[in-house]
């Protein structure tokens, strides 16, 4: 567990800080909050105190038992996250102004600092703000850049707070970068992720409910642990992990081709992708109109088996597969291990609400020739750590 100091400044996006806080807590980290007086106009400190079970720092004076609360908080934090960051707070950070509890704490922070700006598009694009952004970056502060969209004032443009999911992910990356062992340094790992889409016609396809979250979490963890990561991704709505070399594909055939190419020269492969088992034997080159070309039957053929193909070529390399099941999870995973020829199967019961496609947690079991190890339900980031730990062990055993 690590410590995050969440710095909330005054903007309408302040309510999103509550969701960011909960996301960090779900990932197993402790969060404490400092707020500006303006932030309290949008979200009361009582809300954050209820969520964190700790007092919120809003004033430098009158703190019971702590005469220097800004130093205490700055020393406690492993990472500081300013969310949302107003133009004013960013300007204070650049000039070193420390005239309230939040800015004083930030000035005292020696830990990594992340800044998630949110403001009106004209304020964001103002040359003064853009110059401050560049100055902060030059000092090693990570900017979680705002997106384009409809703003609270009704304007449309850049300045909207980045998604809660991406802010949490960036903060977790910063935390892990400080503590992650570099036990995959010098290794190249292929990871595939997400679903495939098998075209019926240009607008219809066969697919499944995979979101790619697990594969992307594993890729991010492998990068943090020093690996060169080649990520082959089906269609997902996720930001690729920083540092990963990403190849985007759509169909199972495209994924097979990309995986075989990426496996060349790699030390290991982790196959998390939910590849479609079947694809239409023939795909129409135009949208089929039900009034003219009714589709009563779609003739299907099996897709190529990517896990088996990589396992057949692995030699002394390590290949890890996944088995998403809804019943008889362990027996099916054991049969898959024997059938595919891989080194390890990660089995999960996708009929469970805490382990299904798209969930933020997963409950897995490691199935290998030496036995079965079942884990408790964990956040996907922690599941990724466990999987990479296993991969490291397998690589060391081969060496």
Protein backbone atom coordinates (compact mmCIF):
# COMPACT_ATOMS: atom_id res chain seq x y z
CA UNK A 1 0.00 0.00 0.00
CA UNK A 2 1.26 3.46 -0.94
CA UNK A 3 0.21 6.97 0.09
CA UNK A 4 -1.39 9.53 -2.22
CA UNK A 5 -1.88 13.19 -1.30
CA UNK A 6 -4.88 14.37 -3.31
CA UNK A 7 -4.82 18.15 -3.85
CA UNK A 8 -8.24 19.50 -4.83
CA UNK A 9 -8.48 23.03 -6.22
CA UNK A 10 -11.52 25.11 -7.03
CA UNK A 11 -13.37 24.15 -10.18
CA UNK A 12 -16.60 22.44 -11.16
CA UNK A 13 -14.61 19.26 -11.84
CA UNK A 14 -13.80 19.03 -8.11
CA UNK A 15 -16.59 16.49 -7.68
CA UNK A 16 -14.65 14.09 -9.93
CA UNK A 17 -11.89 14.08 -7.30
CA UNK A 18 -14.20 11.95 -5.14
CA UNK A 19 -14.31 9.29 -7.85
CA UNK A 20 -10.55 9.46 -8.32
CA UNK A 21 -10.11 9.01 -4.57
CA UNK A 22 -12.31 5.90 -4.56
CA UNK A 23 -10.45 4.47 -7.55
CA UNK A 24 -7.13 4.81 -5.74
CA UNK A 25 -8.57 3.24 -2.61
CA UNK A 26 -9.94 0.30 -4.59
CA UNK A 27 -6.44 -0.24 -5.94
CA UNK A 28 -5.27 -0.66 -2.35
CA UNK A 29 -3.74 2.75 -1.61
CA UNK A 30 -4.31 5.24 1.20
CA UNK A 31 -5.43 8.75 0.26
CA UNK A 32 -5.42 11.98 2.23
CA UNK A 33 -6.73 15.30 0.96
CA UNK A 34 -5.78 18.95 0.94
CA UNK A 35 -8.22 21.52 -0.49
CA UNK A 36 -8.31 25.17 -1.39
CA UNK A 37 -11.02 27.40 0.02
CA UNK A 38 -12.49 27.69 -3.48
CA UNK A 39 -12.64 23.90 -3.80
CA UNK A 40 -14.82 23.79 -0.68
CA UNK A 41 -17.42 25.82 -2.55
CA UNK A 42 -17.89 22.88 -4.89
CA UNK A 43 -17.34 19.87 -2.58
CA UNK A 44 -17.39 20.11 1.20
CA UNK A 45 -14.45 18.73 3.13
CA UNK A 46 -16.85 16.51 5.09
CA UNK A 47 -17.27 14.41 1.94
CA UNK A 48 -13.54 13.75 1.68
CA UNK A 49 -13.22 13.14 5.41
CA UNK A 50 -15.96 10.52 5.21
CA UNK A 51 -14.23 8.81 2.28
CA UNK A 52 -10.69 8.89 3.70
CA UNK A 53 -11.44 8.61 7.44
CA UNK A 54 -8.85 11.37 7.93
CA UNK A 55 -9.05 15.14 8.48
CA UNK A 56 -8.82 17.27 5.34
CA UNK A 57 -6.11 19.92 5.25
CA UNK A 58 -7.70 23.28 4.44
CA UNK A 59 -5.83 25.59 6.82
CA UNK A 60 -2.26 25.73 8.09
CA UNK A 61 -3.33 26.82 11.56
CA UNK A 62 -5.27 25.22 14.38
CA UNK A 63 -4.51 21.62 13.41
CA UNK A 64 -4.84 19.58 16.60
CA UNK A 65 -1.54 17.98 17.53
CA UNK A 66 0.26 19.05 14.35
CA UNK A 67 1.80 22.52 14.16
CA UNK A 68 3.20 21.96 10.65
CA UNK A 69 0.53 19.94 8.79
CA UNK A 70 1.79 20.82 5.31
CA UNK A 71 5.19 19.27 6.08
CA UNK A 72 3.56 16.22 7.66
CA UNK A 73 1.39 15.61 4.59
CA UNK A 74 4.22 16.26 2.11
CA UNK A 75 6.52 13.80 3.91
CA UNK A 76 3.76 11.17 4.22
CA UNK A 77 2.94 11.18 0.50
CA UNK A 78 4.55 8.81 -2.01
CA UNK A 79 2.81 10.71 -4.81
CA UNK A 80 0.91 14.01 -4.92
CA UNK A 81 -1.97 14.41 -7.37
CA UNK A 82 -3.49 17.82 -8.11
CA UNK A 83 -7.02 17.10 -9.36
CA UNK A 84 -8.52 19.22 -10.66
CA UNK A 85 -5.74 21.74 -11.19
CA UNK A 86 -6.89 25.28 -11.94
CA UNK A 87 -4.88 27.77 -13.97
CA UNK A 88 -4.28 29.65 -10.73
CA UNK A 89 -2.80 26.68 -8.88
CA UNK A 90 -0.59 25.81 -11.84
CA UNK A 91 0.68 29.40 -11.93
CA UNK A 92 1.44 29.24 -8.21
CA UNK A 93 3.39 26.03 -8.72
CA UNK A 94 5.50 27.64 -11.43
CA UNK A 95 6.31 30.76 -9.41
CA UNK A 96 6.67 29.01 -6.05
CA UNK A 97 3.84 30.92 -4.38
CA UNK A 98 2.72 29.24 -1.15
CA UNK A 99 -0.15 31.25 0.29
CA UNK A 100 -2.57 28.52 1.41
CA UNK A 101 -2.55 24.95 2.70
CA UNK A 102 -2.56 23.32 -0.74
CA UNK A 103 0.13 25.42 -2.41
CA UNK A 104 2.34 25.28 0.69
CA UNK A 105 2.09 21.50 0.80
CA UNK A 106 2.93 21.25 -2.89
CA UNK A 107 6.00 23.44 -2.45
CA UNK A 108 7.22 21.09 0.30
CA UNK A 109 6.65 17.89 -1.71
CA UNK A 110 9.77 15.97 -2.67
CA UNK A 111 7.72 13.07 -4.11
CA UNK A 112 6.53 12.80 -7.74
CA UNK A 113 3.73 15.26 -8.53
CA UNK A 114 0.99 14.75 -11.12
CA UNK A 115 -1.27 17.56 -12.34
CA UNK A 116 -4.69 17.04 -13.96
CA UNK A 117 -5.82 20.44 -15.30
CA UNK A 118 -9.46 21.42 -15.87
CA UNK A 119 -10.64 24.84 -16.99
CA UNK A 120 -12.36 26.85 -19.72
CA UNK A 121 -10.88 26.36 -23.18
CA UNK A 122 -9.79 29.99 -23.47
CA UNK A 123 -8.05 29.84 -20.10
CA UNK A 124 -6.35 26.61 -21.10
CA UNK A 125 -5.15 27.97 -24.44
CA UNK A 126 -3.98 31.28 -22.99
CA UNK A 127 -0.22 31.64 -23.68
CA UNK A 128 0.45 32.13 -19.96
CA UNK A 129 -1.16 28.78 -19.09
CA UNK A 130 0.58 26.98 -21.94
CA UNK A 131 3.93 28.43 -20.83
CA UNK A 132 3.23 27.20 -17.30
CA UNK A 133 2.46 23.73 -18.64
CA UNK A 134 5.84 23.59 -20.36
CA UNK A 135 7.63 24.88 -17.26
CA UNK A 136 6.00 22.26 -15.06
CA UNK A 137 6.96 19.53 -17.51
CA UNK A 138 10.54 20.76 -17.63
CA UNK A 139 10.68 20.32 -13.86
CA UNK A 140 9.61 16.69 -14.05
CA UNK A 141 5.96 17.16 -13.15
CA UNK A 142 3.61 14.86 -15.07
CA UNK A 143 0.66 16.55 -16.78
CA UNK A 144 -2.48 14.45 -17.23
CA UNK A 145 -3.69 16.50 -20.15
CA UNK A 146 -7.31 17.65 -20.43
CA UNK A 147 -9.56 16.40 -23.19
CA UNK A 148 -11.84 18.13 -25.67
CA UNK A 149 -15.56 18.25 -24.97
CA UNK A 150 -18.46 20.29 -23.69
CA UNK A 151 -17.38 22.35 -20.70
CA UNK A 152 -19.44 23.42 -17.71
CA UNK A 153 -19.82 26.93 -19.13
CA UNK A 154 -21.33 25.55 -22.34
CA UNK A 155 -18.23 26.11 -24.46
CA UNK A 156 -16.85 23.21 -26.45
CA UNK A 157 -13.11 22.75 -26.60
CA UNK A 158 -10.01 21.57 -24.81
CA UNK A 159 -9.96 21.92 -21.04
CA UNK A 160 -12.21 19.12 -19.82
CA UNK A 161 -10.76 17.00 -17.02
CA UNK A 162 -9.33 13.71 -18.25
CA UNK A 163 -11.41 10.63 -17.41
CA UNK A 164 -11.35 9.34 -13.85
CA UNK A 165 -10.10 5.97 -15.10
CA UNK A 166 -7.09 7.49 -16.86
CA UNK A 167 -6.23 9.78 -13.94
CA UNK A 168 -6.27 6.82 -11.57
CA UNK A 169 -4.19 4.76 -14.01
CA UNK A 170 -1.58 7.51 -14.36
CA UNK A 171 -1.33 7.84 -10.58
CA UNK A 172 -0.95 4.09 -10.15
CA UNK A 173 1.78 4.11 -12.80
CA UNK A 174 3.63 6.82 -10.88
CA UNK A 175 3.35 4.83 -7.65
CA UNK A 176 4.52 1.60 -9.19
CA UNK A 177 7.42 3.25 -11.01
CA UNK A 178 8.97 4.06 -7.63
CA UNK A 179 8.75 0.59 -6.15
CA UNK A 180 8.56 -1.88 -9.03
CA UNK A 181 11.49 -4.31 -9.21
CA UNK A 182 13.22 -4.29 -12.59
CA UNK A 183 13.09 -8.08 -12.83
CA UNK A 184 12.05 -8.00 -16.50
CA UNK A 185 14.82 -5.67 -17.60
CA UNK A 186 16.31 -6.91 -20.86
CA UNK A 187 13.29 -9.13 -21.59
CA UNK A 188 10.80 -8.73 -24.43
CA UNK A 189 7.22 -9.79 -23.75
CA UNK A 190 4.38 -10.19 -26.24
CA UNK A 191 0.90 -9.54 -24.80
CA UNK A 192 -2.35 -9.73 -26.71
CA UNK A 193 -5.53 -8.18 -25.37
CA UNK A 194 -9.17 -7.40 -26.05
CA UNK A 195 -11.69 -9.03 -28.37
CA UNK A 196 -11.59 -9.63 -32.09
CA UNK A 197 -14.32 -8.67 -34.52
CA UNK A 198 -15.25 -11.06 -37.29
CA UNK A 199 -17.04 -9.19 -40.08
CA UNK A 200 -20.41 -10.29 -41.42
CA UNK A 201 -20.55 -7.20 -43.60
CA UNK A 202 -18.95 -3.72 -43.31
CA UNK A 203 -21.18 -2.74 -40.36
CA UNK A 204 -21.96 -6.03 -38.57
CA UNK A 205 -19.61 -8.41 -36.83
CA UNK A 206 -19.29 -11.29 -34.38
CA UNK A 207 -17.51 -10.35 -31.15
CA UNK A 208 -17.62 -10.79 -27.39
CA UNK A 209 -17.74 -8.67 -24.24
CA UNK A 210 -13.99 -8.43 -23.61
CA UNK A 211 -12.83 -4.88 -22.81
CA UNK A 212 -9.07 -5.50 -22.78
CA UNK A 213 -8.68 -4.20 -19.21
CA UNK A 214 -6.80 -7.25 -17.95
CA UNK A 215 -4.37 -7.37 -20.86
CA UNK A 216 -3.67 -3.65 -20.67
CA UNK A 217 -3.08 -3.89 -16.91
CA UNK A 218 -0.59 -6.73 -17.48
CA UNK A 219 1.15 -4.74 -20.21
CA UNK A 220 1.46 -1.71 -17.91
CA UNK A 221 2.91 -3.87 -15.12
CA UNK A 222 5.41 -5.49 -17.49
CA UNK A 223 6.57 -2.05 -18.64
CA UNK A 224 6.96 -0.96 -15.01
CA UNK A 225 9.06 -4.05 -14.34
CA UNK A 226 11.49 -3.11 -17.11
CA UNK A 227 10.27 -5.23 -20.04
CA UNK A 228 10.09 -4.27 -23.66
CA UNK A 229 6.39 -4.84 -24.27
CA UNK A 230 4.82 -5.64 -27.62
CA UNK A 231 1.06 -5.26 -27.17
CA UNK A 232 -1.22 -6.63 -29.89
CA UNK A 233 -4.66 -5.19 -29.22
CA UNK A 234 -8.10 -5.89 -30.59
CA UNK A 235 -10.70 -3.07 -30.67
CA UNK A 236 -10.93 -1.53 -27.18
CA UNK A 237 -11.66 1.89 -25.65
CA UNK A 238 -8.51 2.12 -23.53
CA UNK A 239 -5.43 4.30 -23.60
CA UNK A 240 -2.40 2.12 -24.37
CA UNK A 241 0.07 1.81 -21.49
CA UNK A 242 2.93 4.28 -21.74
CA UNK A 243 6.06 2.62 -23.00
CA UNK A 244 4.35 -0.27 -24.78
CA UNK A 245 4.76 -0.83 -28.52
CA UNK A 246 1.15 -1.27 -29.66
CA UNK A 247 -0.16 -2.96 -32.79
CA UNK A 248 -3.91 -2.52 -33.36
CA UNK A 249 -5.81 -5.31 -35.12
CA UNK A 250 -9.44 -6.19 -35.71
CA UNK A 251 -9.89 -9.81 -36.73
CA UNK A 252 -8.54 -13.09 -35.40
CA UNK A 253 -6.53 -13.59 -38.58
CA UNK A 254 -4.92 -10.17 -38.17
CA UNK A 255 -4.16 -10.89 -34.52
CA UNK A 256 -2.51 -14.21 -35.39
CA UNK A 257 -0.28 -12.56 -37.99
CA UNK A 258 0.68 -9.72 -35.63
CA UNK A 259 1.35 -12.09 -32.71
CA UNK A 260 3.57 -14.40 -34.75
CA UNK A 261 5.58 -11.38 -35.92
CA UNK A 262 5.83 -9.92 -32.40
CA UNK A 263 6.84 -13.29 -30.91
CA UNK A 264 9.94 -13.33 -33.09
CA UNK A 265 12.79 -12.43 -30.76
CA UNK A 266 10.55 -12.24 -27.69
CA UNK A 267 11.27 -14.06 -24.44
CA UNK A 268 7.65 -14.72 -23.47
CA UNK A 269 4.02 -14.30 -24.50
CA UNK A 270 0.93 -13.69 -22.38
CA UNK A 271 -2.27 -14.37 -24.34
CA UNK A 272 -5.13 -12.55 -22.62
CA UNK A 273 -7.11 -11.75 -25.76
CA UNK A 274 -10.63 -13.17 -26.07
CA UNK A 275 -10.22 -14.27 -29.67
CA UNK A 276 -13.42 -15.20 -31.49
CA UNK A 277 -13.63 -18.97 -32.00
CA UNK A 278 -15.53 -18.61 -35.26
CA UNK A 279 -15.60 -16.24 -38.21
CA UNK A 280 -18.07 -16.02 -41.12
CA UNK A 281 -16.93 -18.18 -44.02
CA UNK A 282 -17.76 -15.30 -46.34
CA UNK A 283 -18.02 -11.60 -45.46
CA UNK A 284 -20.16 -9.34 -47.64
CA UNK A 285 -18.46 -6.31 -49.16
CA UNK A 286 -21.58 -4.16 -48.62
CA UNK A 287 -24.22 -3.71 -45.93
CA UNK A 288 -26.76 -6.50 -46.22
CA UNK A 289 -30.32 -5.14 -46.43
CA UNK A 290 -32.85 -7.32 -44.67
CA UNK A 291 -35.52 -6.39 -47.20
CA UNK A 292 -33.34 -7.68 -50.06
CA UNK A 293 -30.68 -10.00 -48.66
CA UNK A 294 -32.05 -11.68 -45.56
CA UNK A 295 -29.43 -13.37 -43.37
CA UNK A 296 -31.16 -16.46 -42.03
CA UNK A 297 -27.97 -18.51 -41.76
CA UNK A 298 -24.34 -17.46 -41.33
CA UNK A 299 -21.92 -20.22 -42.26
CA UNK A 300 -19.02 -20.16 -39.82
CA UNK A 301 -15.50 -21.55 -39.83
CA UNK A 302 -13.09 -21.87 -36.93
CA UNK A 303 -10.47 -19.19 -36.44
CA UNK A 304 -6.80 -19.97 -36.01
CA UNK A 305 -5.70 -20.95 -32.50
CA UNK A 306 -3.23 -18.23 -31.51
CA UNK A 307 -2.27 -19.69 -28.14
CA UNK A 308 -1.59 -23.10 -29.66
CA UNK A 309 0.38 -21.55 -32.52
CA UNK A 310 2.65 -19.61 -30.18
CA UNK A 311 3.07 -22.62 -27.88
CA UNK A 312 4.12 -24.76 -30.82
CA UNK A 313 6.91 -22.29 -31.63
CA UNK A 314 8.01 -21.38 -28.12
CA UNK A 315 10.99 -23.70 -27.69
CA UNK A 316 12.58 -22.59 -24.40
CA UNK A 317 10.43 -19.48 -24.24
CA UNK A 318 7.47 -19.04 -21.90
CA UNK A 319 3.84 -18.87 -23.03
CA UNK A 320 0.96 -18.04 -20.68
CA UNK A 321 -2.67 -18.46 -21.72
CA UNK A 322 -6.02 -17.43 -20.27
CA UNK A 323 -9.21 -19.43 -19.81
CA UNK A 324 -12.40 -17.44 -19.29
CA UNK A 325 -15.06 -19.91 -18.18
CA UNK A 326 -18.57 -19.84 -16.71
CA UNK A 327 -18.57 -23.31 -15.14
CA UNK A 328 -16.14 -26.11 -14.25
CA UNK A 329 -13.42 -23.46 -14.38
CA UNK A 330 -10.48 -25.49 -13.08
CA UNK A 331 -11.15 -28.73 -15.03
CA UNK A 332 -11.59 -26.78 -18.27
CA UNK A 333 -8.40 -24.81 -17.59
CA UNK A 334 -6.45 -28.01 -16.90
CA UNK A 335 -7.71 -29.51 -20.15
CA UNK A 336 -6.75 -26.33 -22.01
CA UNK A 337 -3.24 -26.41 -20.54
CA UNK A 338 -2.70 -29.95 -21.81
CA UNK A 339 -4.30 -29.27 -25.18
CA UNK A 340 -2.49 -26.03 -26.01
CA UNK A 341 0.98 -26.90 -24.77
CA UNK A 342 1.57 -23.63 -22.92
CA UNK A 343 3.36 -23.25 -19.58
CA UNK A 344 0.59 -21.71 -17.49
CA UNK A 345 -3.13 -21.02 -17.70
CA UNK A 346 -4.72 -18.11 -15.86
CA UNK A 347 -8.31 -19.22 -15.24
CA UNK A 348 -11.16 -16.93 -14.27
CA UNK A 349 -14.90 -17.40 -13.81
CA UNK A 350 -16.52 -14.69 -15.95
CA UNK A 351 -19.97 -15.59 -14.63
CA UNK A 352 -19.01 -13.82 -11.37
CA UNK A 353 -19.82 -10.12 -11.11
CA UNK A 354 -16.41 -9.48 -9.52
CA UNK A 355 -14.52 -11.27 -12.28
CA UNK A 356 -16.49 -10.73 -15.46
CA UNK A 357 -15.54 -8.84 -18.61
CA UNK A 358 -15.20 -5.12 -17.90
CA UNK A 359 -15.03 -5.42 -14.10
CA UNK A 360 -12.29 -3.59 -12.20
CA UNK A 361 -11.48 -6.71 -10.18
CA UNK A 362 -10.76 -10.30 -11.05
CA UNK A 363 -10.65 -13.64 -9.28
CA UNK A 364 -8.15 -15.95 -10.92
CA UNK A 365 -6.46 -19.29 -10.47
CA UNK A 366 -3.03 -20.30 -11.75
CA UNK A 367 -3.18 -23.71 -13.40
CA UNK A 368 0.10 -25.40 -14.28
CA UNK A 369 1.55 -28.88 -14.52
CA UNK A 370 2.61 -28.59 -10.88
CA UNK A 371 -0.86 -27.80 -9.55
CA UNK A 372 -3.53 -25.15 -8.98
CA UNK A 373 -3.28 -21.92 -6.96
CA UNK A 374 -6.50 -19.98 -6.44
CA UNK A 375 -6.31 -16.29 -5.51
CA UNK A 376 -8.80 -14.01 -3.76
CA UNK A 377 -10.68 -11.34 -5.68
CA UNK A 378 -8.24 -8.48 -6.33
CA UNK A 379 -8.12 -5.23 -8.33
CA UNK A 380 -6.89 -5.90 -11.85
CA UNK A 381 -3.69 -3.95 -11.17
CA UNK A 382 -2.84 -6.36 -8.34
CA UNK A 383 -3.82 -9.37 -10.46
CA UNK A 384 -1.39 -8.07 -13.09
CA UNK A 385 1.37 -7.96 -10.47
CA UNK A 386 0.68 -11.59 -9.50
CA UNK A 387 0.75 -12.70 -13.14
CA UNK A 388 4.03 -10.91 -13.84
CA UNK A 389 5.48 -12.42 -10.65
CA UNK A 390 4.62 -15.86 -12.06
CA UNK A 391 6.13 -14.98 -15.44
CA UNK A 392 9.37 -13.85 -13.78
CA UNK A 393 9.52 -17.15 -11.89
CA UNK A 394 9.02 -19.15 -15.08
CA UNK A 395 11.71 -17.17 -16.92
CA UNK A 396 14.17 -17.62 -14.06
CA UNK A 397 13.48 -21.36 -13.99
CA UNK A 398 14.24 -21.58 -17.74
CA UNK A 399 17.46 -19.59 -17.32
